[in-house]
Amino acid sequence: MSTVKFKNSLLENLDIEIIKRLRLRSITFELGHEIEFPANPIDNLFFLEEGMASMTTTFQDGSQVEVGMFGYEGVIGVSALMGTKRSLNRVYTQIAGHGYSCPIEVARREFSLGGSFQSHALRYVQTQLVQTAQSTGCNAKHDAEQRLARWLLLCADRVHSVTYKLSQDFLSHMLGSSRPTVSITAGILKEKGLIEYSRGTIHILDVAGLEKISCECYHIIKDHLDNCAQFDSGITR
């Protein structure tokens, strides 16, 4: 395990020799930072230490729906380790932060060695699959209030804070709803004393209350993000 203290869970579980071979470079992610765009080459992997990014599917009319969320627990661009050369989705920063980048060719070489980097990367792929499947079902099955509660809670978990900056435009993209719908739904949560929302800043006042409003998808996704090894037989470091 690395002797360097990382906040990113994947990096924290790697030996120092692997960390050195990855040639990590510190990077700052501003709000709205474009990390991947459909059809653009994937040149780097990104490991968030702080902040949060969303992966969205973009439709012909320009609308977007979130299909994945990235925080401190994993890596952005992992599909490139399995042969993908160009991004299939848009990935951009929803909450500003910082982390590390790694050249994709360097990462592919390390992945091909079959050691702990490969094991942890594949484990995170499993987590992404669960998150994407659950989010897709959630968008189709649950109402706007449940989905907004779920999303706000997941954001708070990823940034370790009940207060963070987030615009209504971003929220509407993430939930696949119109901005007026998001505004009305956020207003309902505010009236119930669950959140405060002012000038682009969300403050969760009652986490337990928000969990009651949220659908079961919140805990399913949270459990997999918090513990990627939930269904593993163990990983050799």
Protein backbone atom coordinates (compact mmCIF):
# COMPACT_ATOMS: atom_id res chain seq x y z
CA MET A 1 0.00 0.00 0.00
CA SER A 2 1.21 3.51 -0.76
CA THR A 3 3.08 5.38 1.99
CA VAL A 4 1.80 8.62 0.44
CA LYS A 5 -1.54 9.66 1.94
CA PHE A 6 -4.17 9.89 -0.79
CA LYS A 7 -7.84 10.77 -0.37
CA ASN A 8 -8.65 8.85 -3.54
CA SER A 9 -9.54 5.32 -2.46
CA LEU A 10 -8.07 3.56 -5.49
CA LEU A 11 -4.71 5.33 -5.22
CA GLU A 12 -4.60 4.81 -1.46
CA ASN A 13 -4.75 1.04 -2.01
CA LEU A 14 -1.75 0.90 -4.37
CA ASP A 15 1.86 0.17 -3.46
CA ILE A 16 4.32 3.05 -3.68
CA GLU A 17 6.13 1.33 -6.59
CA ILE A 18 2.93 1.38 -8.64
CA ILE A 19 2.27 5.01 -7.71
CA LYS A 20 5.72 5.95 -9.00
CA ARG A 21 5.17 4.10 -12.28
CA LEU A 22 1.85 5.87 -12.88
CA ARG A 23 3.60 9.27 -13.17
CA LEU A 24 0.76 11.14 -11.50
CA ARG A 25 0.38 14.86 -12.10
CA SER A 26 -1.56 17.14 -9.76
CA ILE A 27 -4.52 18.88 -11.41
CA THR A 28 -7.23 21.34 -10.36
CA PHE A 29 -10.81 20.84 -11.55
CA GLU A 30 -12.80 24.06 -11.88
CA LEU A 31 -16.60 24.01 -11.91
CA GLY A 32 -17.79 22.78 -15.32
CA HIS A 33 -14.32 21.47 -16.29
CA GLU A 34 -14.72 19.24 -19.38
CA ILE A 35 -12.97 15.95 -18.65
CA GLU A 36 -14.40 13.83 -21.48
CA PHE A 37 -16.53 14.64 -24.51
CA PRO A 38 -18.20 12.19 -26.93
CA ALA A 39 -15.85 11.06 -29.75
CA ASN A 40 -12.83 12.84 -28.22
CA PRO A 41 -9.72 10.72 -27.49
CA ILE A 42 -9.21 9.54 -23.92
CA ASP A 43 -5.64 10.66 -23.25
CA ASN A 44 -5.55 10.48 -19.46
CA LEU A 45 -7.05 8.79 -16.46
CA PHE A 46 -8.22 11.11 -13.68
CA PHE A 47 -8.33 10.39 -9.96
CA LEU A 48 -10.39 12.84 -7.93
CA GLU A 49 -9.22 13.67 -4.43
CA GLU A 50 -11.90 16.29 -3.82
CA GLY A 51 -14.90 17.42 -5.83
CA MET A 52 -17.41 15.52 -7.94
CA ALA A 53 -17.90 14.86 -11.65
CA SER A 54 -20.86 13.51 -13.61
CA MET A 55 -21.01 11.30 -16.70
CA THR A 56 -23.95 12.10 -18.94
CA THR A 57 -25.57 10.76 -22.08
CA THR A 58 -26.30 13.56 -24.56
CA PHE A 59 -29.23 13.28 -26.99
CA GLN A 60 -29.70 14.83 -30.44
CA ASP A 61 -31.79 17.68 -29.04
CA GLY A 62 -28.91 18.62 -26.71
CA SER A 63 -30.55 17.36 -23.53
CA GLN A 64 -28.52 15.33 -21.06
CA VAL A 65 -29.19 12.72 -18.41
CA GLU A 66 -26.68 11.60 -15.80
CA VAL A 67 -25.64 7.95 -16.03
CA GLY A 68 -22.70 7.99 -13.61
CA MET A 69 -21.06 9.94 -10.80
CA PHE A 70 -17.38 10.18 -9.89
CA GLY A 71 -15.83 11.17 -6.57
CA TYR A 72 -12.87 10.22 -4.40
CA GLU A 73 -13.64 6.49 -4.66
CA GLY A 74 -12.42 5.66 -8.17
CA VAL A 75 -11.07 6.69 -11.55
CA ILE A 76 -12.41 8.54 -14.60
CA GLY A 77 -11.63 7.04 -18.01
CA VAL A 78 -11.28 3.43 -16.87
CA SER A 79 -12.89 2.09 -20.09
CA ALA A 80 -9.72 3.15 -21.94
CA LEU A 81 -7.83 0.43 -20.06
CA MET A 82 -9.98 -2.14 -21.86
CA GLY A 83 -9.51 -0.82 -25.38
CA THR A 84 -11.80 2.21 -25.67
CA LYS A 85 -9.95 4.98 -27.50
CA ARG A 86 -12.64 7.65 -27.68
CA SER A 87 -15.12 8.73 -25.07
CA LEU A 88 -18.73 7.64 -25.47
CA ASN A 89 -20.07 10.13 -22.93
CA ARG A 90 -19.59 13.60 -21.57
CA VAL A 91 -17.85 13.86 -18.20
CA TYR A 92 -17.52 17.20 -16.45
CA THR A 93 -17.01 18.65 -13.00
CA GLN A 94 -20.17 19.39 -11.02
CA ILE A 95 -18.38 20.38 -7.82
CA ALA A 96 -14.92 21.95 -8.10
CA GLY A 97 -11.97 20.11 -6.60
CA HIS A 98 -8.57 18.64 -7.34
CA GLY A 99 -6.88 15.33 -8.03
CA TYR A 100 -4.35 13.63 -10.30
CA SER A 101 -4.01 12.69 -13.95
CA CYS A 102 -2.12 9.75 -15.44
CA PRO A 103 -1.17 9.37 -19.15
CA ILE A 104 -3.34 6.63 -20.62
CA GLU A 105 -0.43 4.72 -22.19
CA VAL A 106 1.30 4.61 -18.81
CA ALA A 107 -1.90 3.36 -17.19
CA ARG A 108 -2.39 0.70 -19.89
CA ARG A 109 1.11 -0.66 -19.32
CA GLU A 110 0.49 -0.92 -15.59
CA PHE A 111 -2.92 -2.50 -16.17
CA SER A 112 -1.39 -5.13 -18.48
CA LEU A 113 0.87 -6.34 -15.65
CA GLY A 114 -2.15 -7.90 -13.97
CA GLY A 115 -1.33 -6.66 -10.46
CA SER A 116 -3.28 -4.70 -7.89
CA PHE A 117 -3.84 -1.71 -10.20
CA GLN A 118 -5.71 -3.98 -12.60
CA SER A 119 -7.65 -5.62 -9.77
CA HIS A 120 -8.78 -2.32 -8.23
CA ALA A 121 -9.61 -0.80 -11.62
CA LEU A 122 -11.80 -3.79 -12.53
CA ARG A 123 -13.47 -3.67 -9.15
CA TYR A 124 -14.35 -0.05 -9.81
CA VAL A 125 -15.80 -1.01 -13.21
CA GLN A 126 -18.20 -3.29 -11.32
CA THR A 127 -19.21 -0.35 -9.14
CA GLN A 128 -19.82 1.83 -12.20
CA LEU A 129 -22.02 -0.84 -13.77
CA VAL A 130 -24.15 -1.08 -10.63
CA GLN A 131 -24.41 2.71 -10.39
CA THR A 132 -25.39 3.12 -14.05
CA ALA A 133 -27.98 0.34 -13.95
CA GLN A 134 -29.54 1.65 -10.74
CA SER A 135 -29.58 5.27 -11.95
CA THR A 136 -31.24 4.24 -15.22
CA GLY A 137 -33.94 2.37 -13.37
CA CYS A 138 -34.36 5.23 -10.91
CA ASN A 139 -34.87 7.81 -13.67
CA ALA A 140 -37.57 5.63 -15.21
CA LYS A 141 -39.36 4.54 -12.03
CA HIS A 142 -39.14 7.20 -9.32
CA ASP A 143 -40.56 10.69 -9.10
CA ALA A 144 -38.60 13.95 -9.17
CA GLU A 145 -38.68 14.44 -5.40
CA GLN A 146 -37.22 11.00 -4.73
CA ARG A 147 -34.55 11.40 -7.41
CA LEU A 148 -33.53 14.87 -6.24
CA ALA A 149 -33.20 13.64 -2.65
CA ARG A 150 -31.09 10.70 -3.83
CA TRP A 151 -28.82 12.89 -5.91
CA LEU A 152 -28.29 15.52 -3.20
CA LEU A 153 -27.37 12.82 -0.69
CA LEU A 154 -24.91 11.14 -3.07
CA CYS A 155 -23.26 14.51 -3.73
CA ALA A 156 -22.88 15.12 -0.01
CA ASP A 157 -21.30 11.69 0.42
CA ARG A 158 -18.82 12.29 -2.38
CA VAL A 159 -17.63 15.69 -1.06
CA HIS A 160 -17.93 14.85 2.66
CA SER A 161 -20.02 17.95 3.26
CA VAL A 162 -23.69 18.89 3.59
CA THR A 163 -22.96 22.24 1.93
CA TYR A 164 -21.82 22.59 -1.69
CA LYS A 165 -22.34 24.75 -4.77
CA LEU A 166 -24.65 23.45 -7.48
CA SER A 167 -26.71 25.17 -10.17
CA GLN A 168 -30.30 24.37 -11.15
CA ASP A 169 -29.15 23.85 -14.75
CA PHE A 170 -26.82 21.08 -13.59
CA LEU A 171 -29.55 19.55 -11.47
CA SER A 172 -32.01 19.51 -14.38
CA HIS A 173 -29.44 17.72 -16.58
CA MET A 174 -28.68 15.19 -13.87
CA LEU A 175 -32.30 14.35 -13.15
CA GLY A 176 -33.50 14.45 -16.75
CA SER A 177 -36.10 17.04 -15.74
CA SER A 178 -36.83 20.60 -16.81
CA ARG A 179 -35.44 23.50 -14.80
CA PRO A 180 -38.95 24.55 -13.62
CA THR A 181 -39.55 21.00 -12.36
CA VAL A 182 -36.28 21.04 -10.43
CA SER A 183 -37.08 24.48 -9.00
CA ILE A 184 -40.51 23.32 -7.81
CA THR A 185 -39.11 20.08 -6.38
CA ALA A 186 -36.28 21.87 -4.56
CA GLY A 187 -38.88 24.27 -3.19
CA ILE A 188 -40.87 21.35 -1.76
CA LEU A 189 -37.77 19.99 -0.02
CA LYS A 190 -37.05 23.47 1.31
CA GLU A 191 -40.60 23.86 2.65
CA LYS A 192 -40.22 20.54 4.47
CA GLY A 193 -37.12 21.89 6.22
CA LEU A 194 -34.82 19.38 4.55
CA ILE A 195 -32.59 21.74 2.55
CA GLU A 196 -31.69 25.37 2.04
CA TYR A 197 -30.93 26.58 -1.48
CA SER A 198 -29.65 30.08 -2.18
CA ARG A 199 -27.40 31.60 -4.86
CA GLY A 200 -26.31 28.24 -6.19
CA THR A 201 -25.43 26.78 -2.79
CA ILE A 202 -27.13 23.68 -1.41
CA HIS A 203 -27.19 23.10 2.35
CA ILE A 204 -28.74 19.89 3.65
CA LEU A 205 -30.45 20.61 6.96
CA ASP A 206 -31.84 17.15 7.71
CA VAL A 207 -29.91 14.18 6.29
CA ALA A 208 -32.16 11.59 7.93
CA GLY A 209 -35.27 13.35 6.64
CA LEU A 210 -33.84 13.50 3.13
CA GLU A 211 -33.07 9.78 3.29
CA LYS A 212 -36.72 9.09 4.10
CA ILE A 213 -37.81 11.07 1.04
CA SER A 214 -35.25 9.38 -1.21
CA CYS A 215 -35.91 6.09 -2.98
CA GLU A 216 -34.07 2.84 -2.19
CA CYS A 217 -31.62 3.60 -5.00
CA TYR A 218 -29.66 5.94 -2.72
CA HIS A 219 -28.54 3.21 -0.33
CA ILE A 220 -27.91 0.69 -3.12
CA ILE A 221 -25.58 3.10 -4.94
CA LYS A 222 -24.02 4.40 -1.72
CA ASP A 223 -23.17 0.90 -0.49
CA HIS A 224 -21.35 0.08 -3.72
CA LEU A 225 -19.50 3.39 -3.87
CA ASP A 226 -18.45 3.17 -0.21
CA ASN A 227 -17.34 -0.44 -0.45
CA CYS A 228 -16.29 -1.56 -3.91
CA ALA A 229 -15.29 -4.93 -2.44
CA GLN A 230 -18.80 -5.75 -1.22
CA PHE A 231 -19.17 -8.74 -3.55
CA ASP A 232 -15.47 -9.56 -3.98
CA SER A 233 -13.70 -12.64 -2.66
CA GLY A 234 -10.72 -10.43 -1.92
CA ILE A 235 -8.01 -8.56 -3.76
CA THR A 236 -4.31 -9.29 -3.52
CA ARG A 237 -2.26 -6.17 -3.03
